[in-house]
Amino acid sequence: QVQLAESGGGLVQAGDSLRLSCVASGLPFTTLRMGWFRQAPGKEREPVTTITWSGRTTDYLDSVKGQFTISRNNAKNSVSLQMNSLKPEDPAVYYCGAALTDWDNYDSWGQGTQVTVSS
């Protein structure tokens, strides 16, 4: 199993930027597909963005396209989420997730980091 640790959440104002980071350990990072998910109060967890092990392919939730950017550094076993122009609908607990390969389901999760946006 992969251990994941997120950091970087916090309270920001609408329009501000925030960068989340996730460090993985326990398994070779270069085989993992990584993703960021979020869960707002009263809602189900939803995928925000994913990135393949090579970093060549990314996918985004339609509502965050052009606003959020996922990236990974395989040398540092880390994946980041740059969130720009944060909106009142973006607050949630953001989770880092890992899948064993580009074709597996996500089955490892971090503890989550809270993102709060004040208007």
N, C-alpha and C. Protein backbone atom coordinates (compact mmCIF):
# COMPACT_ATOMS: atom_id res chain seq x y z
N GLN A 1 0.84 -1.19 0.00
CA GLN A 1 0.00 0.00 0.00
C GLN A 1 0.88 1.25 0.00
N VAL A 2 0.36 2.26 -0.60
CA VAL A 2 1.07 3.53 -0.69
C VAL A 2 0.64 4.43 0.46
N GLN A 3 1.58 5.09 1.08
CA GLN A 3 1.27 6.10 2.09
C GLN A 3 1.37 7.47 1.43
N LEU A 4 0.35 8.28 1.66
CA LEU A 4 0.27 9.60 1.04
C LEU A 4 0.09 10.66 2.11
N ALA A 5 0.79 11.76 1.96
CA ALA A 5 0.70 12.85 2.92
C ALA A 5 0.54 14.17 2.18
N GLU A 6 -0.62 14.82 2.37
CA GLU A 6 -0.90 16.10 1.72
C GLU A 6 -0.48 17.25 2.61
N SER A 7 -0.25 18.37 1.96
CA SER A 7 0.01 19.61 2.69
C SER A 7 -0.37 20.77 1.78
N GLY A 8 -0.52 21.94 2.39
CA GLY A 8 -0.73 23.14 1.60
C GLY A 8 -2.11 23.74 1.65
N GLY A 9 -3.06 23.09 2.32
CA GLY A 9 -4.39 23.67 2.40
C GLY A 9 -4.40 24.89 3.30
N GLY A 10 -5.54 25.57 3.33
CA GLY A 10 -5.65 26.74 4.18
C GLY A 10 -6.83 27.60 3.81
N LEU A 11 -6.85 28.79 4.39
CA LEU A 11 -7.92 29.76 4.16
C LEU A 11 -7.38 30.85 3.25
N VAL A 12 -8.08 31.06 2.15
CA VAL A 12 -7.70 32.12 1.21
C VAL A 12 -8.94 32.89 0.81
N GLN A 13 -8.73 34.02 0.16
CA GLN A 13 -9.84 34.80 -0.35
C GLN A 13 -10.15 34.38 -1.78
N ALA A 14 -11.37 34.61 -2.20
CA ALA A 14 -11.76 34.32 -3.58
C ALA A 14 -10.82 35.06 -4.53
N GLY A 15 -10.37 34.34 -5.54
CA GLY A 15 -9.44 34.93 -6.50
C GLY A 15 -7.98 34.63 -6.20
N ASP A 16 -7.71 34.19 -4.98
CA ASP A 16 -6.33 33.85 -4.60
C ASP A 16 -5.93 32.49 -5.15
N SER A 17 -4.65 32.20 -4.99
CA SER A 17 -4.10 30.91 -5.43
C SER A 17 -3.63 30.12 -4.23
N LEU A 18 -3.57 28.80 -4.44
CA LEU A 18 -3.10 27.91 -3.39
C LEU A 18 -2.45 26.71 -4.08
N ARG A 19 -1.40 26.19 -3.47
CA ARG A 19 -0.73 25.03 -4.04
C ARG A 19 -0.73 23.90 -3.03
N LEU A 20 -1.27 22.78 -3.43
CA LEU A 20 -1.29 21.59 -2.59
C LEU A 20 -0.18 20.64 -3.04
N SER A 21 0.40 19.95 -2.07
CA SER A 21 1.44 18.98 -2.38
C SER A 21 1.13 17.65 -1.71
N CYS A 22 1.62 16.59 -2.31
CA CYS A 22 1.40 15.25 -1.77
C CYS A 22 2.68 14.46 -1.99
N VAL A 23 3.16 13.87 -0.93
CA VAL A 23 4.36 13.03 -1.00
C VAL A 23 3.97 11.58 -0.77
N ALA A 24 4.46 10.70 -1.61
CA ALA A 24 4.12 9.29 -1.53
C ALA A 24 5.30 8.47 -1.05
N SER A 25 5.00 7.38 -0.37
CA SER A 25 6.03 6.45 0.08
C SER A 25 5.44 5.05 0.15
N GLY A 26 6.31 4.06 0.13
CA GLY A 26 5.86 2.70 0.30
C GLY A 26 5.93 1.84 -0.94
N LEU A 27 5.78 2.46 -2.11
CA LEU A 27 5.86 1.74 -3.38
C LEU A 27 6.58 2.61 -4.40
N PRO A 28 7.14 2.01 -5.45
CA PRO A 28 7.80 2.83 -6.47
C PRO A 28 6.85 3.86 -7.07
N PHE A 29 7.21 5.13 -6.95
CA PHE A 29 6.32 6.21 -7.35
C PHE A 29 6.09 6.24 -8.85
N THR A 30 7.10 5.83 -9.61
CA THR A 30 7.01 5.97 -11.06
C THR A 30 5.98 5.04 -11.69
N THR A 31 5.42 4.09 -10.95
CA THR A 31 4.39 3.23 -11.52
C THR A 31 2.98 3.76 -11.23
N LEU A 32 2.89 4.73 -10.34
CA LEU A 32 1.59 5.15 -9.82
C LEU A 32 0.90 6.19 -10.69
N ARG A 33 -0.36 5.98 -10.90
CA ARG A 33 -1.21 7.06 -11.41
C ARG A 33 -1.68 7.85 -10.19
N MET A 34 -1.58 9.14 -10.26
CA MET A 34 -1.91 10.00 -9.11
C MET A 34 -3.08 10.90 -9.45
N GLY A 35 -3.79 11.30 -8.42
CA GLY A 35 -4.91 12.19 -8.64
C GLY A 35 -5.24 13.02 -7.42
N TRP A 36 -5.99 14.06 -7.64
CA TRP A 36 -6.54 14.89 -6.57
C TRP A 36 -8.06 14.78 -6.63
N PHE A 37 -8.63 14.62 -5.47
CA PHE A 37 -10.07 14.50 -5.31
C PHE A 37 -10.50 15.51 -4.26
N ARG A 38 -11.78 15.81 -4.24
CA ARG A 38 -12.28 16.71 -3.20
C ARG A 38 -13.66 16.29 -2.74
N GLN A 39 -13.92 16.63 -1.50
CA GLN A 39 -15.23 16.32 -0.93
C GLN A 39 -15.70 17.52 -0.14
N ALA A 40 -16.80 18.09 -0.59
CA ALA A 40 -17.42 19.22 0.11
C ALA A 40 -18.46 18.67 1.08
N PRO A 41 -18.82 19.43 2.10
CA PRO A 41 -19.81 18.96 3.08
C PRO A 41 -21.11 18.55 2.40
N GLY A 42 -21.60 17.37 2.74
CA GLY A 42 -22.87 16.90 2.19
C GLY A 42 -22.79 16.35 0.78
N LYS A 43 -21.59 16.31 0.24
CA LYS A 43 -21.43 15.83 -1.14
C LYS A 43 -20.48 14.63 -1.18
N GLU A 44 -20.55 13.90 -2.27
CA GLU A 44 -19.65 12.77 -2.44
C GLU A 44 -18.28 13.26 -2.91
N ARG A 45 -17.28 12.41 -2.65
CA ARG A 45 -15.94 12.74 -3.14
C ARG A 45 -15.95 12.69 -4.67
N GLU A 46 -15.32 13.70 -5.28
CA GLU A 46 -15.28 13.74 -6.73
C GLU A 46 -13.84 13.90 -7.22
N PRO A 47 -13.53 13.30 -8.36
CA PRO A 47 -12.20 13.47 -8.92
C PRO A 47 -12.04 14.87 -9.50
N VAL A 48 -10.95 15.50 -9.18
CA VAL A 48 -10.66 16.84 -9.68
C VAL A 48 -9.71 16.77 -10.86
N THR A 49 -8.64 15.99 -10.70
CA THR A 49 -7.65 15.87 -11.76
C THR A 49 -6.80 14.64 -11.53
N THR A 50 -6.32 14.05 -12.62
CA THR A 50 -5.46 12.89 -12.53
C THR A 50 -4.28 13.05 -13.47
N ILE A 51 -3.22 12.30 -13.18
CA ILE A 51 -2.02 12.35 -14.02
C ILE A 51 -1.41 10.96 -14.08
N THR A 52 -1.04 10.54 -15.28
CA THR A 52 -0.46 9.21 -15.45
C THR A 52 0.96 9.16 -14.90
N TRP A 53 1.52 7.96 -14.81
CA TRP A 53 2.82 7.80 -14.17
C TRP A 53 3.89 8.62 -14.88
N SER A 54 3.77 8.75 -16.18
CA SER A 54 4.78 9.48 -16.94
C SER A 54 4.59 10.98 -16.88
N GLY A 55 3.39 11.39 -16.49
CA GLY A 55 3.07 12.82 -16.50
C GLY A 55 2.60 13.32 -17.84
N ARG A 56 2.55 12.44 -18.83
CA ARG A 56 2.20 12.89 -20.18
C ARG A 56 0.71 13.15 -20.35
N THR A 57 -0.11 12.47 -19.57
CA THR A 57 -1.56 12.60 -19.75
C THR A 57 -2.21 13.07 -18.46
N THR A 58 -3.02 14.10 -18.58
CA THR A 58 -3.76 14.62 -17.44
C THR A 58 -5.24 14.75 -17.82
N ASP A 59 -6.08 14.67 -16.82
CA ASP A 59 -7.52 14.88 -17.01
C ASP A 59 -8.00 15.81 -15.91
N TYR A 60 -9.02 16.60 -16.24
CA TYR A 60 -9.54 17.58 -15.29
C TYR A 60 -11.05 17.56 -15.26
N LEU A 61 -11.59 17.80 -14.09
CA LEU A 61 -13.00 18.10 -13.95
C LEU A 61 -13.29 19.34 -14.78
N ASP A 62 -14.40 19.31 -15.52
CA ASP A 62 -14.69 20.43 -16.43
C ASP A 62 -14.65 21.78 -15.72
N SER A 63 -15.15 21.83 -14.51
CA SER A 63 -15.28 23.11 -13.82
C SER A 63 -13.94 23.70 -13.38
N VAL A 64 -12.86 22.92 -13.43
CA VAL A 64 -11.56 23.44 -13.01
C VAL A 64 -10.57 23.55 -14.16
N LYS A 65 -10.99 23.20 -15.36
CA LYS A 65 -10.09 23.30 -16.51
C LYS A 65 -9.65 24.74 -16.71
N GLY A 66 -8.37 24.94 -16.88
CA GLY A 66 -7.83 26.27 -17.03
C GLY A 66 -7.60 27.00 -15.72
N GLN A 67 -8.07 26.42 -14.64
CA GLN A 67 -7.93 27.04 -13.33
C GLN A 67 -6.94 26.27 -12.46
N PHE A 68 -7.01 24.94 -12.52
CA PHE A 68 -6.14 24.07 -11.73
C PHE A 68 -5.14 23.39 -12.65
N THR A 69 -3.96 23.10 -12.11
CA THR A 69 -2.93 22.38 -12.86
C THR A 69 -2.29 21.33 -11.96
N ILE A 70 -2.27 20.10 -12.44
CA ILE A 70 -1.61 19.02 -11.72
C ILE A 70 -0.23 18.80 -12.32
N SER A 71 0.72 18.47 -11.47
CA SER A 71 2.07 18.15 -11.94
C SER A 71 2.68 17.13 -10.99
N ARG A 72 3.70 16.44 -11.46
CA ARG A 72 4.36 15.47 -10.60
C ARG A 72 5.87 15.55 -10.79
N ASN A 73 6.57 15.21 -9.73
CA ASN A 73 8.02 15.14 -9.76
C ASN A 73 8.40 13.74 -9.30
N ASN A 74 8.70 12.88 -10.25
CA ASN A 74 8.97 11.48 -9.92
C ASN A 74 10.27 11.33 -9.13
N ALA A 75 11.17 12.26 -9.27
CA ALA A 75 12.41 12.19 -8.49
C ALA A 75 12.18 12.48 -7.02
N LYS A 76 11.10 13.20 -6.72
CA LYS A 76 10.80 13.57 -5.34
C LYS A 76 9.56 12.86 -4.81
N ASN A 77 9.04 11.90 -5.58
CA ASN A 77 7.85 11.14 -5.16
C ASN A 77 6.69 12.07 -4.79
N SER A 78 6.49 13.10 -5.56
CA SER A 78 5.49 14.08 -5.18
C SER A 78 4.60 14.46 -6.35
N VAL A 79 3.41 14.87 -6.00
CA VAL A 79 2.46 15.41 -6.96
C VAL A 79 1.88 16.68 -6.36
N SER A 80 1.65 17.67 -7.21
CA SER A 80 1.17 18.97 -6.73
C SER A 80 -0.09 19.36 -7.49
N LEU A 81 -0.84 20.24 -6.86
CA LEU A 81 -2.03 20.81 -7.48
C LEU A 81 -1.96 22.31 -7.30
N GLN A 82 -1.78 23.02 -8.39
CA GLN A 82 -1.79 24.48 -8.38
C GLN A 82 -3.21 24.93 -8.65
N MET A 83 -3.76 25.66 -7.71
CA MET A 83 -5.14 26.14 -7.84
C MET A 83 -5.11 27.66 -7.92
N ASN A 84 -5.56 28.18 -9.03
CA ASN A 84 -5.59 29.62 -9.24
C ASN A 84 -7.02 30.13 -9.27
N SER A 85 -7.17 31.41 -9.01
CA SER A 85 -8.49 32.06 -9.08
C SER A 85 -9.54 31.25 -8.34
N LEU A 86 -9.26 30.96 -7.10
CA LEU A 86 -10.18 30.12 -6.33
C LEU A 86 -11.55 30.78 -6.19
N LYS A 87 -12.57 29.96 -6.28
CA LYS A 87 -13.95 30.42 -6.29
C LYS A 87 -14.67 29.93 -5.05
N PRO A 88 -15.80 30.54 -4.73
CA PRO A 88 -16.58 30.10 -3.57
C PRO A 88 -17.04 28.65 -3.65
N GLU A 89 -17.09 28.07 -4.86
CA GLU A 89 -17.52 26.67 -4.99
C GLU A 89 -16.37 25.68 -4.88
N ASP A 90 -15.14 26.16 -4.68
CA ASP A 90 -13.99 25.27 -4.59
C ASP A 90 -13.69 24.74 -3.19
N PRO A 91 -14.19 25.32 -2.11
CA PRO A 91 -13.85 24.82 -0.78
C PRO A 91 -14.25 23.37 -0.59
N ALA A 92 -13.37 22.60 0.00
CA ALA A 92 -13.60 21.18 0.24
C ALA A 92 -12.39 20.63 0.98
N VAL A 93 -12.50 19.39 1.36
CA VAL A 93 -11.31 18.66 1.78
C VAL A 93 -10.73 18.02 0.52
N TYR A 94 -9.49 18.32 0.26
CA TYR A 94 -8.83 17.80 -0.94
C TYR A 94 -7.96 16.61 -0.54
N TYR A 95 -8.12 15.53 -1.30
CA TYR A 95 -7.40 14.29 -1.03
C TYR A 95 -6.48 13.95 -2.19
N CYS A 96 -5.33 13.47 -1.85
CA CYS A 96 -4.42 12.90 -2.82
C CYS A 96 -4.73 11.40 -2.92
N GLY A 97 -4.78 10.88 -4.13
CA GLY A 97 -5.06 9.47 -4.32
C GLY A 97 -4.03 8.83 -5.23
N ALA A 98 -3.86 7.52 -5.07
CA ALA A 98 -2.90 6.78 -5.90
C ALA A 98 -3.52 5.48 -6.39
N ALA A 99 -3.22 5.16 -7.63
CA ALA A 99 -3.58 3.87 -8.21
C ALA A 99 -2.29 3.17 -8.60
N LEU A 100 -2.28 1.85 -8.46
CA LEU A 100 -1.03 1.12 -8.66
C LEU A 100 -0.46 1.27 -10.07
N THR A 101 -1.32 1.36 -11.05
CA THR A 101 -0.89 1.57 -12.42
C THR A 101 -1.88 2.52 -13.09
N ASP A 102 -1.60 2.88 -14.33
CA ASP A 102 -2.49 3.76 -15.07
C ASP A 102 -3.84 3.13 -15.35
N TRP A 103 -3.98 1.80 -15.09
CA TRP A 103 -5.24 1.12 -15.42
C TRP A 103 -5.99 0.63 -14.19
N ASP A 104 -5.42 0.86 -13.01
CA ASP A 104 -6.08 0.41 -11.78
C ASP A 104 -6.95 1.50 -11.19
N ASN A 105 -7.86 1.08 -10.30
CA ASN A 105 -8.65 2.05 -9.56
C ASN A 105 -7.80 2.67 -8.45
N TYR A 106 -8.20 3.84 -8.03
CA TYR A 106 -7.52 4.48 -6.90
C TYR A 106 -7.87 3.72 -5.62
N ASP A 107 -6.85 3.34 -4.87
CA ASP A 107 -7.11 2.59 -3.65
C ASP A 107 -6.24 3.04 -2.47
N SER A 108 -5.48 4.08 -2.64
CA SER A 108 -4.71 4.65 -1.54
C SER A 108 -5.03 6.12 -1.44
N TRP A 109 -5.20 6.59 -0.19
CA TRP A 109 -5.64 7.97 0.02
C TRP A 109 -4.84 8.62 1.13
N GLY A 110 -4.64 9.92 0.97
CA GLY A 110 -4.06 10.69 2.05
C GLY A 110 -5.13 11.06 3.06
N GLN A 111 -4.72 11.79 4.08
CA GLN A 111 -5.64 12.15 5.15
C GLN A 111 -6.52 13.34 4.77
N GLY A 112 -6.15 14.03 3.72
CA GLY A 112 -6.93 15.18 3.27
C GLY A 112 -6.41 16.49 3.83
N THR A 113 -6.62 17.53 3.08
CA THR A 113 -6.25 18.88 3.53
C THR A 113 -7.39 19.83 3.20
N GLN A 114 -7.74 20.66 4.16
CA GLN A 114 -8.89 21.54 4.02
C GLN A 114 -8.53 22.78 3.21
N VAL A 115 -9.37 23.10 2.25
CA VAL A 115 -9.26 24.35 1.50
C VAL A 115 -10.53 25.15 1.75
N THR A 116 -10.35 26.36 2.23
CA THR A 116 -11.48 27.24 2.53
C THR A 116 -11.30 28.53 1.76
N VAL A 117 -12.36 28.98 1.13
CA VAL A 117 -12.31 30.21 0.33
C VAL A 117 -13.33 31.19 0.88
N SER A 118 -12.88 32.34 1.27
CA SER A 118 -13.78 33.38 1.76
C SER A 118 -14.08 34.35 0.63
N SER A 119 -15.32 34.80 0.60
CA SER A 119 -15.72 35.73 -0.48
C SER A 119 -15.60 37.16 -0.04
